């Protein structure tokens, strides 16, 4: 796998290093790389889907800000659907489920250290 340095498939960089504006972007990047490394899909298939996703986004919103990693996720979804790993509507259904959760769902409030499992008094 080789990441493009220039062109529509090239990830955002600053001083040669990958740049992620939000934590989800780095997770999306890592997910695609890990799935490819595990043999889930060919990198060139993903790359071509990414180029197409960027082209669609640029055509739809040529002067508005848009996220490269939104295109990355679109490309990943398309390649996983093509490989039969997920059904076309499964991802959208799951996104809808997650969007319906309260914003603090799953977050613990309190001490950040592990709970004390010693229930015995000494």
PDB file of N, CA and C in Angstrom:
ATOM      1  N   UNK A   1       0.836  -1.167   0.000  1.00  0.00           N
ATOM      2  CA  UNK A   1       0.000   0.000   0.000  1.00  0.00           C
ATOM      3  C   UNK A   1       0.887   1.238   0.000  1.00  0.00           C
ATOM      4  N   UNK A   2       0.613   2.136  -0.910  1.00  0.00           N
ATOM      5  CA  UNK A   2       1.338   3.394  -0.978  1.00  0.00           C
ATOM      6  C   UNK A   2       0.324   4.523  -1.050  1.00  0.00           C
ATOM      7  N   UNK A   3       0.450   5.473  -0.132  1.00  0.00           N
ATOM      8  CA  UNK A   3      -0.424   6.649  -0.153  1.00  0.00           C
ATOM      9  C   UNK A   3       0.054   7.622  -1.206  1.00  0.00           C
ATOM     10  N   UNK A   4      -0.886   8.182  -1.941  1.00  0.00           N
ATOM     11  CA  UNK A   4      -0.541   9.209  -2.914  1.00  0.00           C
ATOM     12  C   UNK A   4       0.011  10.437  -2.196  1.00  0.00           C
ATOM     13  N   UNK A   5       0.966  11.090  -2.823  1.00  0.00           N
ATOM     14  CA  UNK A   5       1.548  12.323  -2.278  1.00  0.00           C
ATOM     15  C   UNK A   5       0.825  13.538  -2.856  1.00  0.00           C
ATOM     16  N   UNK A   6       0.427  13.451  -4.112  1.00  0.00           N
ATOM     17  CA  UNK A   6      -0.314  14.526  -4.780  1.00  0.00           C
ATOM     18  C   UNK A   6      -1.517  13.920  -5.492  1.00  0.00           C
ATOM     19  N   UNK A   7      -2.455  14.785  -5.856  1.00  0.00           N
ATOM     20  CA  UNK A   7      -3.639  14.335  -6.580  1.00  0.00           C
ATOM     21  C   UNK A   7      -4.831  14.138  -5.664  1.00  0.00           C
ATOM     22  N   UNK A   8      -5.960  13.759  -6.228  1.00  0.00           N
ATOM     23  CA  UNK A   8      -7.195  13.683  -5.450  1.00  0.00           C
ATOM     24  C   UNK A   8      -7.202  12.612  -4.368  1.00  0.00           C
ATOM     25  N   UNK A   9      -6.373  11.589  -4.490  1.00  0.00           N
ATOM     26  CA  UNK A   9      -6.345  10.545  -3.469  1.00  0.00           C
ATOM     27  C   UNK A   9      -5.334  10.827  -2.366  1.00  0.00           C
ATOM     28  N   UNK A  10      -4.592  11.919  -2.475  1.00  0.00           N
ATOM     29  CA  UNK A  10      -3.559  12.242  -1.481  1.00  0.00           C
ATOM     30  C   UNK A  10      -4.194  12.811  -0.211  1.00  0.00           C
ATOM     31  N   UNK A  11      -3.925  12.190   0.936  1.00  0.00           N
ATOM     32  CA  UNK A  11      -4.455  12.718   2.197  1.00  0.00           C
ATOM     33  C   UNK A  11      -3.846  14.069   2.549  1.00  0.00           C
ATOM     34  N   UNK A  12      -4.574  14.862   3.327  1.00  0.00           N
ATOM     35  CA  UNK A  12      -4.034  16.162   3.755  1.00  0.00           C
ATOM     36  C   UNK A  12      -2.738  15.975   4.551  1.00  0.00           C
ATOM     37  N   UNK A  13      -1.792  16.849   4.284  1.00  0.00           N
ATOM     38  CA  UNK A  13      -0.496  16.800   4.967  1.00  0.00           C
ATOM     39  C   UNK A  13      -0.049  18.207   5.340  1.00  0.00           C
ATOM     40  N   UNK A  14       0.785  18.271   6.353  1.00  0.00           N
ATOM     41  CA  UNK A  14       1.470  19.505   6.738  1.00  0.00           C
ATOM     42  C   UNK A  14       2.908  19.110   7.059  1.00  0.00           C
ATOM     43  N   UNK A  15       3.845  19.740   6.396  1.00  0.00           N
ATOM     44  CA  UNK A  15       5.260  19.405   6.559  1.00  0.00           C
ATOM     45  C   UNK A  15       5.518  17.924   6.338  1.00  0.00           C
ATOM     46  N   UNK A  16       4.778  17.321   5.395  1.00  0.00           N
ATOM     47  CA  UNK A  16       4.967  15.924   5.055  1.00  0.00           C
ATOM     48  C   UNK A  16       4.239  14.934   5.943  1.00  0.00           C
ATOM     49  N   UNK A  17       3.668  15.399   7.038  1.00  0.00           N
ATOM     50  CA  UNK A  17       2.976  14.519   7.976  1.00  0.00           C
ATOM     51  C   UNK A  17       1.471  14.553   7.714  1.00  0.00           C
ATOM     52  N   UNK A  18       0.812  13.409   7.896  1.00  0.00           N
ATOM     53  CA  UNK A  18      -0.641  13.357   7.751  1.00  0.00           C
ATOM     54  C   UNK A  18      -1.297  14.282   8.761  1.00  0.00           C
ATOM     55  N   UNK A  19      -2.384  14.934   8.327  1.00  0.00           N
ATOM     56  CA  UNK A  19      -3.107  15.871   9.188  1.00  0.00           C
ATOM     57  C   UNK A  19      -4.544  15.389   9.334  1.00  0.00           C
ATOM     58  N   UNK A  20      -5.003  15.322  10.567  1.00  0.00           N
ATOM     59  CA  UNK A  20      -6.377  14.949  10.871  1.00  0.00           C
ATOM     60  C   UNK A  20      -7.005  16.086  11.670  1.00  0.00           C
ATOM     61  N   UNK A  21      -8.100  16.641  11.142  1.00  0.00           N
ATOM     62  CA  UNK A  21      -8.756  17.774  11.803  1.00  0.00           C
ATOM     63  C   UNK A  21      -9.581  17.335  13.001  1.00  0.00           C
ATOM     64  N   UNK A  22     -10.055  16.107  12.976  1.00  0.00           N
ATOM     65  CA  UNK A  22     -10.915  15.574  14.036  1.00  0.00           C
ATOM     66  C   UNK A  22     -10.459  14.151  14.369  1.00  0.00           C
ATOM     67  N   UNK A  23     -10.697  13.694  15.589  1.00  0.00           N
ATOM     68  CA  UNK A  23     -10.300  12.328  15.952  1.00  0.00           C
ATOM     69  C   UNK A  23     -10.918  11.250  15.054  1.00  0.00           C
ATOM     70  N   UNK A  24     -12.153  11.450  14.608  1.00  0.00           N
ATOM     71  CA  UNK A  24     -12.793  10.432  13.776  1.00  0.00           C
ATOM     72  C   UNK A  24     -12.039  10.241  12.461  1.00  0.00           C
ATOM     73  N   UNK A  25     -11.364  11.285  11.981  1.00  0.00           N
ATOM     74  CA  UNK A  25     -10.640  11.173  10.726  1.00  0.00           C
ATOM     75  C   UNK A  25      -9.469  10.197  10.853  1.00  0.00           C
ATOM     76  N   UNK A  26      -8.747  10.281  11.950  1.00  0.00           N
ATOM     77  CA  UNK A  26      -7.629   9.357  12.135  1.00  0.00           C
ATOM     78  C   UNK A  26      -8.133   7.932  12.338  1.00  0.00           C
ATOM     79  N   UNK A  27      -9.285   7.787  12.979  1.00  0.00           N
ATOM     80  CA  UNK A  27      -9.858   6.451  13.157  1.00  0.00           C
ATOM     81  C   UNK A  27     -10.307   5.881  11.809  1.00  0.00           C
ATOM     82  N   UNK A  28     -10.906   6.708  10.964  1.00  0.00           N
ATOM     83  CA  UNK A  28     -11.327   6.259   9.632  1.00  0.00           C
ATOM     84  C   UNK A  28     -10.111   5.849   8.806  1.00  0.00           C
ATOM     85  N   UNK A  29      -9.058   6.635   8.890  1.00  0.00           N
ATOM     86  CA  UNK A  29      -7.821   6.319   8.181  1.00  0.00           C
ATOM     87  C   UNK A  29      -7.288   4.968   8.648  1.00  0.00           C
ATOM     88  N   UNK A  30      -7.174   4.819   9.958  1.00  0.00           N
ATOM     89  CA  UNK A  30      -6.658   3.575  10.529  1.00  0.00           C
ATOM     90  C   UNK A  30      -7.509   2.361  10.188  1.00  0.00           C
ATOM     91  N   UNK A  31      -8.823   2.545  10.166  1.00  0.00           N
ATOM     92  CA  UNK A  31      -9.722   1.448   9.825  1.00  0.00           C
ATOM     93  C   UNK A  31      -9.468   0.957   8.405  1.00  0.00           C
ATOM     94  N   UNK A  32      -9.381   1.881   7.466  1.00  0.00           N
ATOM     95  CA  UNK A  32      -9.139   1.495   6.072  1.00  0.00           C
ATOM     96  C   UNK A  32      -7.788   0.800   5.916  1.00  0.00           C
ATOM     97  N   UNK A  33      -6.764   1.348   6.515  1.00  0.00           N
ATOM     98  CA  UNK A  33      -5.425   0.761   6.401  1.00  0.00           C
ATOM     99  C   UNK A  33      -5.406  -0.636   7.023  1.00  0.00           C
ATOM    100  N   UNK A  34      -6.029  -0.788   8.180  1.00  0.00           N
ATOM    101  CA  UNK A  34      -6.059  -2.081   8.862  1.00  0.00           C
ATOM    102  C   UNK A  34      -6.851  -3.114   8.071  1.00  0.00           C
ATOM    103  N   UNK A  35      -8.006  -2.718   7.533  1.00  0.00           N
ATOM    104  CA  UNK A  35      -8.794  -3.656   6.734  1.00  0.00           C
ATOM    105  C   UNK A  35      -8.029  -4.090   5.480  1.00  0.00           C
ATOM    106  N   UNK A  36      -7.357  -3.140   4.840  1.00  0.00           N
ATOM    107  CA  UNK A  36      -6.541  -3.492   3.671  1.00  0.00           C
ATOM    108  C   UNK A  36      -5.421  -4.453   4.065  1.00  0.00           C
ATOM    109  N   UNK A  37      -4.723  -4.136   5.138  1.00  0.00           N
ATOM    110  CA  UNK A  37      -3.621  -4.985   5.593  1.00  0.00           C
ATOM    111  C   UNK A  37      -4.107  -6.395   5.930  1.00  0.00           C
ATOM    112  N   UNK A  38      -5.353  -6.505   6.379  1.00  0.00           N
ATOM    113  CA  UNK A  38      -5.931  -7.803   6.695  1.00  0.00           C
ATOM    114  C   UNK A  38      -6.483  -8.539   5.481  1.00  0.00           C
ATOM    115  N   UNK A  39      -6.350  -7.937   4.293  1.00  0.00           N
ATOM    116  CA  UNK A  39      -6.778  -8.594   3.075  1.00  0.00           C
ATOM    117  C   UNK A  39      -8.227  -8.382   2.696  1.00  0.00           C
ATOM    118  N   UNK A  40      -8.882  -7.409   3.312  1.00  0.00           N
ATOM    119  CA  UNK A  40     -10.301  -7.175   3.039  1.00  0.00           C
ATOM    120  C   UNK A  40     -10.552  -6.637   1.635  1.00  0.00           C
ATOM    121  N   UNK A  41      -9.588  -5.895   1.093  1.00  0.00           N
ATOM    122  CA  UNK A  41      -9.748  -5.315  -0.241  1.00  0.00           C
ATOM    123  C   UNK A  41      -8.390  -4.919  -0.801  1.00  0.00           C
ATOM    124  N   UNK A  42      -8.364  -4.723  -2.095  1.00  0.00           N
ATOM    125  CA  UNK A  42      -7.152  -4.255  -2.771  1.00  0.00           C
ATOM    126  C   UNK A  42      -7.061  -2.740  -2.625  1.00  0.00           C
ATOM    127  N   UNK A  43      -5.867  -2.250  -2.354  1.00  0.00           N
ATOM    128  CA  UNK A  43      -5.691  -0.813  -2.157  1.00  0.00           C
ATOM    129  C   UNK A  43      -6.081  -0.014  -3.402  1.00  0.00           C
ATOM    130  N   UNK A  44      -5.747  -0.524  -4.571  1.00  0.00           N
ATOM    131  CA  UNK A  44      -6.069   0.209  -5.795  1.00  0.00           C
ATOM    132  C   UNK A  44      -7.577   0.345  -5.980  1.00  0.00           C
ATOM    133  N   UNK A  45      -8.351  -0.661  -5.564  1.00  0.00           N
ATOM    134  CA  UNK A  45      -9.821  -0.557  -5.626  1.00  0.00           C
ATOM    135  C   UNK A  45     -10.293   0.587  -4.728  1.00  0.00           C
ATOM    136  N   UNK A  46      -9.743   0.642  -3.515  1.00  0.00           N
ATOM    137  CA  UNK A  46     -10.093   1.717  -2.588  1.00  0.00           C
ATOM    138  C   UNK A  46      -9.668   3.069  -3.156  1.00  0.00           C
ATOM    139  N   UNK A  47      -8.465   3.131  -3.679  1.00  0.00           N
ATOM    140  CA  UNK A  47      -7.932   4.380  -4.235  1.00  0.00           C
ATOM    141  C   UNK A  47      -8.827   4.921  -5.347  1.00  0.00           C
ATOM    142  N   UNK A  48      -9.268   4.041  -6.229  1.00  0.00           N
ATOM    143  CA  UNK A  48     -10.137   4.478  -7.324  1.00  0.00           C
ATOM    144  C   UNK A  48     -11.492   4.969  -6.789  1.00  0.00           C
ATOM    145  N   UNK A  49     -12.026   4.301  -5.785  1.00  0.00           N
ATOM    146  CA  UNK A  49     -13.279   4.764  -5.163  1.00  0.00           C
ATOM    147  C   UNK A  49     -13.069   6.123  -4.492  1.00  0.00           C
ATOM    148  N   UNK A  50     -11.917   6.322  -3.875  1.00  0.00           N
ATOM    149  CA  UNK A  50     -11.611   7.594  -3.220  1.00  0.00           C
ATOM    150  C   UNK A  50     -11.510   8.716  -4.247  1.00  0.00           C
ATOM    151  N   UNK A  51     -10.829   8.474  -5.341  1.00  0.00           N
ATOM    152  CA  UNK A  51     -10.715   9.486  -6.399  1.00  0.00           C
ATOM    153  C   UNK A  51     -12.103   9.859  -6.906  1.00  0.00           C
ATOM    154  N   UNK A  52     -12.954   8.858  -7.109  1.00  0.00           N
ATOM    155  CA  UNK A  52     -14.317   9.120  -7.586  1.00  0.00           C
ATOM    156  C   UNK A  52     -15.123   9.897  -6.544  1.00  0.00           C
ATOM    157  N   UNK A  53     -14.971   9.565  -5.272  1.00  0.00           N
ATOM    158  CA  UNK A  53     -15.698  10.265  -4.206  1.00  0.00           C
ATOM    159  C   UNK A  53     -15.260  11.726  -4.123  1.00  0.00           C
ATOM    160  N   UNK A  54     -13.968  11.985  -4.233  1.00  0.00           N
ATOM    161  CA  UNK A  54     -13.454  13.357  -4.212  1.00  0.00           C
ATOM    162  C   UNK A  54     -14.002  14.132  -5.413  1.00  0.00           C
ATOM    163  N   UNK A  55     -14.014  13.508  -6.578  1.00  0.00           N
ATOM    164  CA  UNK A  55     -14.528  14.174  -7.781  1.00  0.00           C
ATOM    165  C   UNK A  55     -16.008  14.524  -7.620  1.00  0.00           C
ATOM    166  N   UNK A  56     -16.789  13.600  -7.060  1.00  0.00           N
ATOM    167  CA  UNK A  56     -18.218  13.888  -6.834  1.00  0.00           C
ATOM    168  C   UNK A  56     -18.390  15.049  -5.860  1.00  0.00           C
ATOM    169  N   UNK A  57     -17.596  15.069  -4.803  1.00  0.00           N
ATOM    170  CA  UNK A  57     -17.704  16.130  -3.791  1.00  0.00           C
ATOM    171  C   UNK A  57     -17.293  17.467  -4.371  1.00  0.00           C
ATOM    172  N   UNK A  58     -16.219  17.484  -5.137  1.00  0.00           N
ATOM    173  CA  UNK A  58     -15.773  18.735  -5.764  1.00  0.00           C
ATOM    174  C   UNK A  58     -16.801  19.256  -6.763  1.00  0.00           C
ATOM    175  N   UNK A  59     -17.458  18.351  -7.492  1.00  0.00           N
ATOM    176  CA  UNK A  59     -18.479  18.760  -8.458  1.00  0.00           C
ATOM    177  C   UNK A  59     -19.712  19.309  -7.744  1.00  0.00           C
ATOM    178  N   UNK A  60     -20.061  18.714  -6.612  1.00  0.00           N
ATOM    179  CA  UNK A  60     -21.252  19.134  -5.876  1.00  0.00           C
ATOM    180  C   UNK A  60     -21.008  20.394  -5.043  1.00  0.00           C
ATOM    181  N   UNK A  61     -19.807  20.552  -4.507  1.00  0.00           N
ATOM    182  CA  UNK A  61     -19.485  21.672  -3.630  1.00  0.00           C
ATOM    183  C   UNK A  61     -18.112  22.245  -3.990  1.00  0.00           C
ATOM    184  N   UNK A  62     -17.974  22.783  -5.182  1.00  0.00           N
ATOM    185  CA  UNK A  62     -16.629  23.199  -5.614  1.00  0.00           C
ATOM    186  C   UNK A  62     -16.000  24.304  -4.777  1.00  0.00           C
ATOM    187  N   UNK A  63     -16.797  25.166  -4.194  1.00  0.00           N
ATOM    188  CA  UNK A  63     -16.206  26.291  -3.463  1.00  0.00           C
ATOM    189  C   UNK A  63     -16.472  26.234  -1.968  1.00  0.00           C
ATOM    190  N   UNK A  64     -17.229  25.261  -1.542  1.00  0.00           N
ATOM    191  CA  UNK A  64     -17.521  25.128  -0.120  1.00  0.00           C
ATOM    192  C   UNK A  64     -16.502  24.201   0.521  1.00  0.00           C
ATOM    193  N   UNK A  65     -16.320  24.371   1.819  1.00  0.00           N
ATOM    194  CA  UNK A  65     -15.431  23.476   2.536  1.00  0.00           C
ATOM    195  C   UNK A  65     -16.053  22.090   2.640  1.00  0.00           C
ATOM    196  N   UNK A  66     -15.252  21.087   2.431  1.00  0.00           N
ATOM    197  CA  UNK A  66     -15.709  19.713   2.594  1.00  0.00           C
ATOM    198  C   UNK A  66     -14.547  18.905   3.134  1.00  0.00           C
ATOM    199  N   UNK A  67     -14.867  17.810   3.739  1.00  0.00           N
ATOM    200  CA  UNK A  67     -13.859  16.997   4.402  1.00  0.00           C
ATOM    201  C   UNK A  67     -13.354  15.885   3.491  1.00  0.00           C
ATOM    202  N   UNK A  68     -12.059  15.836   3.298  1.00  0.00           N
ATOM    203  CA  UNK A  68     -11.433  14.753   2.555  1.00  0.00           C
ATOM    204  C   UNK A  68     -11.821  13.409   3.168  1.00  0.00           C
ATOM    205  N   UNK A  69     -11.881  13.342   4.503  1.00  0.00           N
ATOM    206  CA  UNK A  69     -12.139  12.070   5.158  1.00  0.00           C
ATOM    207  C   UNK A  69     -13.600  11.647   5.072  1.00  0.00           C
ATOM    208  N   UNK A  70     -14.504  12.562   4.744  1.00  0.00           N
ATOM    209  CA  UNK A  70     -15.862  12.151   4.414  1.00  0.00           C
ATOM    210  C   UNK A  70     -15.814  11.343   3.120  1.00  0.00           C
ATOM    211  N   UNK A  71     -15.015  11.790   2.178  1.00  0.00           N
ATOM    212  CA  UNK A  71     -14.816  11.035   0.926  1.00  0.00           C
ATOM    213  C   UNK A  71     -14.133   9.704   1.211  1.00  0.00           C
ATOM    214  N   UNK A  72     -13.184   9.711   2.120  1.00  0.00           N
ATOM    215  CA  UNK A  72     -12.471   8.493   2.520  1.00  0.00           C
ATOM    216  C   UNK A  72     -13.469   7.457   3.022  1.00  0.00           C
ATOM    217  N   UNK A  73     -14.388   7.882   3.898  1.00  0.00           N
ATOM    218  CA  UNK A  73     -15.393   6.953   4.414  1.00  0.00           C
ATOM    219  C   UNK A  73     -16.338   6.469   3.324  1.00  0.00           C
ATOM    220  N   UNK A  74     -16.724   7.363   2.428  1.00  0.00           N
ATOM    221  CA  UNK A  74     -17.583   6.964   1.315  1.00  0.00           C
ATOM    222  C   UNK A  74     -16.889   5.897   0.471  1.00  0.00           C
ATOM    223  N   UNK A  75     -15.619   6.099   0.177  1.00  0.00           N
ATOM    224  CA  UNK A  75     -14.858   5.130  -0.608  1.00  0.00           C
ATOM    225  C   UNK A  75     -14.740   3.802   0.135  1.00  0.00           C
ATOM    226  N   UNK A  76     -14.485   3.862   1.425  1.00  0.00           N
ATOM    227  CA  UNK A  76     -14.366   2.641   2.219  1.00  0.00           C
ATOM    228  C   UNK A  76     -15.691   1.874   2.221  1.00  0.00           C
ATOM    229  N   UNK A  77     -16.783   2.587   2.404  1.00  0.00           N
ATOM    230  CA  UNK A  77     -18.088   1.931   2.387  1.00  0.00           C
ATOM    231  C   UNK A  77     -18.334   1.257   1.034  1.00  0.00           C
ATOM    232  N   UNK A  78     -18.056   1.962  -0.045  1.00  0.00           N
ATOM    233  CA  UNK A  78     -18.294   1.402  -1.378  1.00  0.00           C
ATOM    234  C   UNK A  78     -17.448   0.153  -1.634  1.00  0.00           C
ATOM    235  N   UNK A  79     -16.197   0.181  -1.223  1.00  0.00           N
ATOM    236  CA  UNK A  79     -15.340  -0.979  -1.471  1.00  0.00           C
ATOM    237  C   UNK A  79     -15.762  -2.153  -0.584  1.00  0.00           C
ATOM    238  N   UNK A  80     -16.201  -1.884   0.638  1.00  0.00           N
ATOM    239  CA  UNK A  80     -16.648  -2.971   1.511  1.00  0.00           C
ATOM    240  C   UNK A  80     -17.959  -3.574   1.022  1.00  0.00           C
ATOM    241  N   UNK A  81     -18.834  -2.755   0.478  1.00  0.00           N
ATOM    242  CA  UNK A  81     -20.074  -3.260  -0.126  1.00  0.00           C
ATOM    243  C   UNK A  81     -19.728  -4.113  -1.351  1.00  0.00           C
ATOM    244  N   UNK A  82     -18.819  -3.623  -2.190  1.00  0.00           N
ATOM    245  CA  UNK A  82     -18.425  -4.366  -3.395  1.00  0.00           C
ATOM    246  C   UNK A  82     -17.796  -5.713  -3.044  1.00  0.00           C
ATOM    247  N   UNK A  83     -17.088  -5.772  -1.924  1.00  0.00           N
ATOM    248  CA  UNK A  83     -16.451  -7.016  -1.491  1.00  0.00           C
ATOM    249  C   UNK A  83     -17.427  -7.931  -0.753  1.00  0.00           C
ATOM    250  N   UNK A  84     -18.656  -7.444  -0.515  1.00  0.00           N
ATOM    251  CA  UNK A  84     -19.660  -8.253   0.178  1.00  0.00           C
ATOM    252  C   UNK A  84     -19.468  -8.328   1.679  1.00  0.00           C
ATOM    253  N   UNK A  85     -18.676  -7.424   2.231  1.00  0.00           N
ATOM    254  CA  UNK A  85     -18.432  -7.442   3.674  1.00  0.00           C
ATOM    255  C   UNK A  85     -19.555  -6.798   4.468  1.00  0.00           C
ATOM    256  N   UNK A  86     -20.244  -5.848   3.858  1.00  0.00           N
ATOM    257  CA  UNK A  86     -21.409  -5.212   4.474  1.00  0.00           C
ATOM    258  C   UNK A  86     -22.467  -5.010   3.394  1.00  0.00           C
ATOM    259  N   UNK A  87     -23.711  -4.948   3.834  1.00  0.00           N
ATOM    260  CA  UNK A  87     -24.801  -4.656   2.902  1.00  0.00           C
ATOM    261  C   UNK A  87     -24.898  -3.147   2.733  1.00  0.00           C
ATOM    262  N   UNK A  88     -25.401  -2.708   1.614  1.00  0.00           N
ATOM    263  CA  UNK A  88     -25.437  -1.283   1.269  1.00  0.00           C
ATOM    264  C   UNK A  88     -26.099  -0.426   2.340  1.00  0.00           C
ATOM    265  N   UNK A  89     -27.162  -0.867   2.950  1.00  0.00           N
ATOM    266  CA  UNK A  89     -27.870  -0.045   3.927  1.00  0.00           C
ATOM    267  C   UNK A  89     -27.406  -0.210   5.360  1.00  0.00           C
ATOM    268  N   UNK A  90     -26.560  -1.199   5.638  1.00  0.00           N
ATOM    269  CA  UNK A  90     -26.158  -1.472   7.019  1.00  0.00           C
ATOM    270  C   UNK A  90     -25.446  -0.300   7.677  1.00  0.00           C
ATOM    271  N   UNK A  91     -24.556   0.335   6.957  1.00  0.00           N
ATOM    272  CA  UNK A  91     -23.790   1.437   7.541  1.00  0.00           C
ATOM    273  C   UNK A  91     -24.702   2.618   7.828  1.00  0.00           C
ATOM    274  N   UNK A  92     -25.571   2.962   6.889  1.00  0.00           N
ATOM    275  CA  UNK A  92     -26.496   4.074   7.100  1.00  0.00           C
ATOM    276  C   UNK A  92     -27.416   3.792   8.286  1.00  0.00           C
ATOM    277  N   UNK A  93     -27.881   2.542   8.420  1.00  0.00           N
ATOM    278  CA  UNK A  93     -28.731   2.177   9.555  1.00  0.00           C
ATOM    279  C   UNK A  93     -27.991   2.369  10.873  1.00  0.00           C
ATOM    280  N   UNK A  94     -26.743   1.932  10.913  1.00  0.00           N
ATOM    281  CA  UNK A  94     -25.947   2.045  12.141  1.00  0.00           C
ATOM    282  C   UNK A  94     -25.645   3.502  12.474  1.00  0.00           C
ATOM    283  N   UNK A  95     -25.361   4.305  11.458  1.00  0.00           N
ATOM    284  CA  UNK A  95     -25.127   5.730  11.678  1.00  0.00           C
ATOM    285  C   UNK A  95     -26.375   6.361  12.293  1.00  0.00           C
ATOM    286  N   UNK A  96     -27.539   5.999  11.784  1.00  0.00           N
ATOM    287  CA  UNK A  96     -28.791   6.516  12.327  1.00  0.00           C
ATOM    288  C   UNK A  96     -28.991   6.123  13.782  1.00  0.00           C
ATOM    289  N   UNK A  97     -28.656   4.889  14.118  1.00  0.00           N
ATOM    290  CA  UNK A  97     -28.766   4.430  15.503  1.00  0.00           C
ATOM    291  C   UNK A  97     -27.832   5.214  16.416  1.00  0.00           C
ATOM    292  N   UNK A  98     -26.599   5.394  15.966  1.00  0.00           N
ATOM    293  CA  UNK A  98     -25.620   6.121  16.784  1.00  0.00           C
ATOM    294  C   UNK A  98     -25.985   7.590  16.920  1.00  0.00           C
ATOM    295  N   UNK A  99     -26.537   8.171  15.868  1.00  0.00           N
ATOM    296  CA  UNK A  99     -26.917   9.584  15.916  1.00  0.00           C
ATOM    297  C   UNK A  99     -28.049   9.818  16.899  1.00  0.00           C
ATOM    298  N   UNK A 100     -28.845   8.803  17.161  1.00  0.00           N
ATOM    299  CA  UNK A 100     -29.965   8.947  18.089  1.00  0.00           C
ATOM    300  C   UNK A 100     -29.578   8.854  19.553  1.00  0.00           C
ATOM    301  N   UNK A 101     -28.345   8.518  19.837  1.00  0.00           N
ATOM    302  CA  UNK A 101     -27.905   8.414  21.234  1.00  0.00           C
ATOM    303  C   UNK A 101     -27.655   9.790  21.826  1.00  0.00           C
ATOM    304  N   UNK A 102     -27.828   9.925  23.148  1.00  0.00           N
ATOM    305  CA  UNK A 102     -27.482  11.198  23.785  1.00  0.00           C
ATOM    306  C   UNK A 102     -25.994  11.491  23.609  1.00  0.00           C
ATOM    307  N   UNK A 103     -25.646  12.758  23.605  1.00  0.00           N
ATOM    308  CA  UNK A 103     -24.250  13.142  23.348  1.00  0.00           C
ATOM    309  C   UNK A 103     -23.282  12.610  24.392  1.00  0.00           C
ATOM    310  N   UNK A 104     -23.751  12.340  25.609  1.00  0.00           N
ATOM    311  CA  UNK A 104     -22.849  11.843  26.642  1.00  0.00           C
ATOM    312  C   UNK A 104     -22.953  10.332  26.822  1.00  0.00           C
ATOM    313  N   UNK A 105     -23.595   9.640  25.891  1.00  0.00           N
ATOM    314  CA  UNK A 105     -23.764   8.197  25.978  1.00  0.00           C
ATOM    315  C   UNK A 105     -22.414   7.508  26.054  1.00  0.00           C
ATOM    316  N   UNK A 106     -22.280   6.622  27.036  1.00  0.00           N
ATOM    317  CA  UNK A 106     -21.068   5.829  27.131  1.00  0.00           C
ATOM    318  C   UNK A 106     -19.911   6.504  27.819  1.00  0.00           C
ATOM    319  N   UNK A 107     -20.093   7.734  28.256  1.00  0.00           N
ATOM    320  CA  UNK A 107     -19.002   8.443  28.930  1.00  0.00           C
ATOM    321  C   UNK A 107     -19.192   8.317  30.432  1.00  0.00           C
ATOM    322  N   UNK A 108     -18.131   7.934  31.095  1.00  0.00           N
ATOM    323  CA  UNK A 108     -18.160   7.846  32.552  1.00  0.00           C
ATOM    324  C   UNK A 108     -17.851   9.211  33.126  1.00  0.00           C
ATOM    325  N   UNK A 109     -18.552   9.530  34.158  1.00  0.00           N
ATOM    326  CA  UNK A 109     -18.273  10.767  34.887  1.00  0.00           C
ATOM    327  C   UNK A 109     -17.798  10.356  36.269  1.00  0.00           C
ATOM    328  N   UNK A 110     -16.635  10.747  36.615  1.00  0.00           N
ATOM    329  CA  UNK A 110     -16.080  10.372  37.912  1.00  0.00           C
ATOM    330  C   UNK A 110     -14.610  10.085  37.754  1.00  0.00           C
ATOM    331  N   UNK A 111     -14.067   9.298  38.689  1.00  0.00           N
ATOM    332  CA  UNK A 111     -12.630   9.024  38.665  1.00  0.00           C
ATOM    333  C   UNK A 111     -12.215   8.343  37.367  1.00  0.00           C
ATOM    334  N   UNK A 112     -11.039   8.695  36.911  1.00  0.00           N
ATOM    335  CA  UNK A 112     -10.542   8.099  35.675  1.00  0.00           C
ATOM    336  C   UNK A 112      -9.672   6.881  35.953  1.00  0.00           C
ATOM    337  N   UNK A 113      -9.446   6.556  37.234  1.00  0.00           N
ATOM    338  CA  UNK A 113      -8.645   5.377  37.546  1.00  0.00           C
ATOM    339  C   UNK A 113      -9.546   4.143  37.577  1.00  0.00           C
ATOM    340  N   UNK A 114      -8.974   2.951  37.432  1.00  0.00           N
ATOM    341  CA  UNK A 114      -9.792   1.741  37.445  1.00  0.00           C
ATOM    342  C   UNK A 114     -10.468   1.574  38.799  1.00  0.00           C
ATOM    343  N   UNK A 115     -11.649   0.969  38.826  1.00  0.00           N
ATOM    344  CA  UNK A 115     -12.326   0.771  40.110  1.00  0.00           C
ATOM    345  C   UNK A 115     -11.531  -0.177  40.986  1.00  0.00           C
ATOM    346  N   UNK A 116     -11.656  -0.009  42.283  1.00  0.00           N
ATOM    347  CA  UNK A 116     -10.993  -0.872  43.249  1.00  0.00           C
ATOM    348  C   UNK A 116     -11.803  -2.160  43.353  1.00  0.00           C
ATOM    349  N   UNK A 117     -11.190  -3.275  43.014  1.00  0.00           N
ATOM    350  CA  UNK A 117     -11.901  -4.546  43.042  1.00  0.00           C
ATOM    351  C   UNK A 117     -11.727  -5.274  44.357  1.00  0.00           C
ATOM    352  N   UNK A 118     -11.051  -4.676  45.316  1.00  0.00           N
ATOM    353  CA  UNK A 118     -10.846  -5.303  46.612  1.00  0.00           C
ATOM    354  C   UNK A 118     -12.016  -4.943  47.497  1.00  0.00           C
ATOM    355  N   UNK A 119     -12.990  -5.840  47.577  1.00  0.00           N
ATOM    356  CA  UNK A 119     -14.191  -5.593  48.368  1.00  0.00           C
ATOM    357  C   UNK A 119     -14.028  -6.040  49.805  1.00  0.00           C
ATOM    358  N   UNK A 120     -12.881  -6.553  50.166  1.00  0.00           N
ATOM    359  CA  UNK A 120     -12.668  -7.054  51.518  1.00  0.00           C
ATOM    360  C   UNK A 120     -11.983  -6.011  52.368  1.00  0.00           C
ATOM    361  N   UNK A 121     -12.378  -5.968  53.623  1.00  0.00           N
ATOM    362  CA  UNK A 121     -11.661  -5.093  54.560  1.00  0.00           C
ATOM    363  C   UNK A 121     -10.538  -5.907  55.164  1.00  0.00           C
ATOM    364  N   UNK A 122      -9.389  -5.307  55.339  1.00  0.00           N
ATOM    365  CA  UNK A 122      -8.226  -6.016  55.886  1.00  0.00           C
ATOM    366  C   UNK A 122      -8.002  -5.634  57.290  1.00  0.00           C
TER     367      UNK A 122
END
